[in-house]
């Protein structure tokens, strides 16, 4: 699975997920919004938005198929479905932030 993250504006990002199943490549496109306030709340602004999106998609793909992920969402929406998300983000930031 390959992720491509494209900044559309300061808060809006396009995410392209290329997955391969049975020798066929499937491309799924998503729109993710992350405000500066959400970034600070989740990571204390210790990582950038692109890295948080990458973590978020890896987190989601461990729990559901690419087809089950909403096509457009805010980063805080993940917490609604997966209450453990903020805690997992914090653990990841603590391990990976410089």
Protein backbone atom coordinates (compact mmCIF):
# COMPACT_ATOMS: atom_id res chain seq x y z
CA UNK A 1 0.00 0.00 0.00
CA UNK A 2 1.36 3.42 -0.98
CA UNK A 3 0.19 6.78 0.37
CA UNK A 4 0.57 10.06 -1.46
CA UNK A 5 -0.32 13.21 0.49
CA UNK A 6 -0.95 16.48 -1.35
CA UNK A 7 -1.47 19.79 0.46
CA UNK A 8 -4.46 21.57 -1.09
CA UNK A 9 -4.43 24.44 1.39
CA UNK A 10 -3.11 25.10 4.88
CA UNK A 11 -5.70 22.75 6.42
CA UNK A 12 -6.94 20.59 3.53
CA UNK A 13 -5.06 17.63 2.12
CA UNK A 14 -5.68 15.12 -0.62
CA UNK A 15 -4.63 11.57 0.15
CA UNK A 16 -4.22 8.95 -2.54
CA UNK A 17 -4.00 5.33 -1.43
CA UNK A 18 -2.73 2.89 -4.03
CA UNK A 19 -3.38 -0.70 -3.08
CA UNK A 20 -2.77 -3.88 -4.98
CA UNK A 21 -4.99 -6.92 -4.77
CA UNK A 22 -4.63 -9.95 -7.00
CA UNK A 23 -2.26 -8.09 -9.37
CA UNK A 24 -4.68 -5.19 -9.83
CA UNK A 25 -3.92 -1.71 -8.56
CA UNK A 26 -6.74 0.24 -6.99
CA UNK A 27 -6.53 3.95 -6.29
CA UNK A 28 -8.66 5.53 -3.56
CA UNK A 29 -8.79 9.29 -3.03
CA UNK A 30 -9.58 11.03 0.25
CA UNK A 31 -9.91 14.58 1.55
CA UNK A 32 -8.62 15.22 5.08
CA UNK A 33 -8.88 18.44 7.07
CA UNK A 34 -6.50 19.24 9.93
CA UNK A 35 -6.71 22.62 11.62
CA UNK A 36 -3.74 24.06 13.47
CA UNK A 37 -5.76 23.69 16.70
CA UNK A 38 -6.38 19.98 16.02
CA UNK A 39 -2.71 19.44 15.24
CA UNK A 40 -1.72 21.12 18.49
CA UNK A 41 -4.32 19.23 20.52
CA UNK A 42 -3.25 15.84 19.14
CA UNK A 43 0.51 16.35 18.88
CA UNK A 44 1.37 19.57 20.73
CA UNK A 45 2.55 20.64 17.24
CA UNK A 46 5.57 18.33 17.55
CA UNK A 47 5.02 16.81 14.08
CA UNK A 48 3.75 18.32 10.85
CA UNK A 49 0.33 17.72 9.35
CA UNK A 50 1.57 15.43 6.59
CA UNK A 51 3.20 13.06 9.07
CA UNK A 52 0.06 13.02 11.21
CA UNK A 53 -2.01 12.13 8.14
CA UNK A 54 0.38 9.31 7.31
CA UNK A 55 0.09 7.99 10.87
CA UNK A 56 -3.70 8.35 10.78
CA UNK A 57 -4.04 6.33 7.58
CA UNK A 58 -1.78 3.59 8.88
CA UNK A 59 -3.85 3.57 12.08
CA UNK A 60 -7.12 3.34 10.11
CA UNK A 61 -5.85 0.67 7.71
CA UNK A 62 -4.91 -1.53 10.66
CA UNK A 63 -8.56 -1.43 11.72
CA UNK A 64 -10.60 -1.31 8.52
CA UNK A 65 -10.34 -1.74 4.78
CA UNK A 66 -9.59 1.17 2.51
CA UNK A 67 -13.18 0.96 1.23
CA UNK A 68 -14.53 1.54 4.75
CA UNK A 69 -12.66 4.82 5.28
CA UNK A 70 -14.81 7.91 4.74
CA UNK A 71 -13.87 9.78 1.57
CA UNK A 72 -13.78 13.14 3.37
CA UNK A 73 -13.20 13.76 7.06
CA UNK A 74 -11.50 15.90 9.67
CA UNK A 75 -8.69 14.35 11.68
CA UNK A 76 -10.83 14.63 14.82
CA UNK A 77 -13.54 12.44 13.21
CA UNK A 78 -11.27 9.43 13.75
CA UNK A 79 -11.67 9.84 17.52
CA UNK A 80 -15.44 9.50 17.16
CA UNK A 81 -15.02 5.98 15.74
CA UNK A 82 -11.79 5.05 17.51
CA UNK A 83 -11.59 6.68 20.98
CA UNK A 84 -8.06 5.34 21.44
CA UNK A 85 -6.75 7.45 18.52
CA UNK A 86 -5.47 10.46 20.56
CA UNK A 87 -3.60 8.18 22.94
CA UNK A 88 -2.06 6.26 20.05
CA UNK A 89 -1.05 9.53 18.36
CA UNK A 90 0.62 10.73 21.56
CA UNK A 91 2.55 7.48 21.95
CA UNK A 92 3.67 7.71 18.31
CA UNK A 93 4.72 11.35 18.72
CA UNK A 94 6.68 10.52 21.87
CA UNK A 95 8.56 7.81 19.96
CA UNK A 96 9.15 9.73 16.73
CA UNK A 97 9.28 13.48 17.34
CA UNK A 98 12.69 15.09 17.45
